[in-house]
Protein backbone atom coordinates (compact mmCIF):
# COMPACT_ATOMS: atom_id res chain seq x y z
CA UNK A 1 -13.63 168.14 -89.31
CA UNK A 2 -15.36 165.19 -90.91
CA UNK A 3 -14.70 164.81 -95.06
CA UNK A 4 -15.71 161.84 -97.43
CA UNK A 5 -13.00 159.93 -99.91
CA UNK A 6 -14.51 157.41 -102.34
CA UNK A 7 -12.48 154.73 -103.99
CA UNK A 8 -13.84 152.77 -106.88
CA UNK A 9 -12.47 149.24 -107.92
CA UNK A 10 -14.34 145.92 -109.48
CA UNK A 11 -16.14 143.43 -107.03
CA UNK A 12 -13.92 140.60 -108.34
CA UNK A 13 -10.65 142.29 -107.39
CA UNK A 14 -11.33 143.33 -103.69
CA UNK A 15 -7.82 142.55 -102.58
CA UNK A 16 -6.81 145.26 -104.91
CA UNK A 17 -9.18 147.92 -103.66
CA UNK A 18 -8.62 147.08 -99.77
CA UNK A 19 -4.87 147.69 -100.49
CA UNK A 20 -5.50 150.93 -102.28
CA UNK A 21 -7.83 151.98 -98.98
CA UNK A 22 -5.43 150.79 -96.43
CA UNK A 23 -2.27 152.34 -98.05
CA UNK A 24 -4.00 155.65 -98.27
CA UNK A 25 -5.00 155.68 -94.52
CA UNK A 26 -1.58 154.88 -93.64
CA UNK A 27 -0.03 157.43 -95.58
CA UNK A 28 -2.26 160.16 -94.76
CA UNK A 29 -2.50 159.14 -90.79
CA UNK A 30 -6.57 160.10 -91.02
CA UNK A 31 -8.92 158.92 -88.20
CA UNK A 32 -11.31 156.84 -89.80
CA UNK A 33 -15.14 157.48 -88.81
CA UNK A 34 -17.03 155.14 -91.08
CA UNK A 35 -16.41 153.29 -93.91
CA UNK A 36 -19.26 152.01 -96.29
CA UNK A 37 -19.35 149.94 -99.07
CA UNK A 38 -21.72 149.97 -102.19
CA UNK A 39 -21.76 147.12 -105.06
CA UNK A 40 -23.41 147.38 -108.35
CA UNK A 41 -23.39 144.55 -110.45
CA UNK A 42 -24.00 144.23 -114.40
CA UNK A 43 -24.10 140.72 -115.39
CA UNK A 44 -24.76 141.72 -119.17
CA UNK A 45 -21.38 143.76 -119.05
CA UNK A 46 -18.56 142.10 -120.72
CA UNK A 47 -16.77 141.76 -117.73
CA UNK A 48 -19.66 140.16 -116.63
CA UNK A 49 -18.88 142.06 -112.88
CA UNK A 50 -19.65 145.38 -111.45
CA UNK A 51 -18.00 148.17 -109.57
CA UNK A 52 -17.44 148.12 -105.43
CA UNK A 53 -17.22 151.37 -104.18
CA UNK A 54 -15.99 152.09 -100.84
CA UNK A 55 -16.70 155.32 -99.16
CA UNK A 56 -14.01 156.55 -96.50
CA UNK A 57 -15.30 159.19 -93.84
CA UNK A 58 -12.46 160.34 -92.12
CA UNK A 59 -10.99 163.39 -89.53
CA UNK A 60 -8.68 165.87 -90.87
CA UNK A 61 -7.69 169.74 -90.97
CA UNK A 62 -8.55 169.79 -94.67
CA UNK A 63 -9.48 167.33 -97.43
CA UNK A 64 -7.24 164.93 -98.58
CA UNK A 65 -6.73 163.94 -102.24
């Protein structure tokens, strides 16, 4: 079956988010179907940056945390 896993990070820290996603894929030995990204930018926020979300669609026998 195909399942979805969502990862959330900050747009100015993409390397950390990439590392988390890649580690999860390797640890769980999943077959990735697709990865979609979305970014929400909030210029008025304290950090002056927004959220970056990766949605990973993967094949597995059951959902993986």
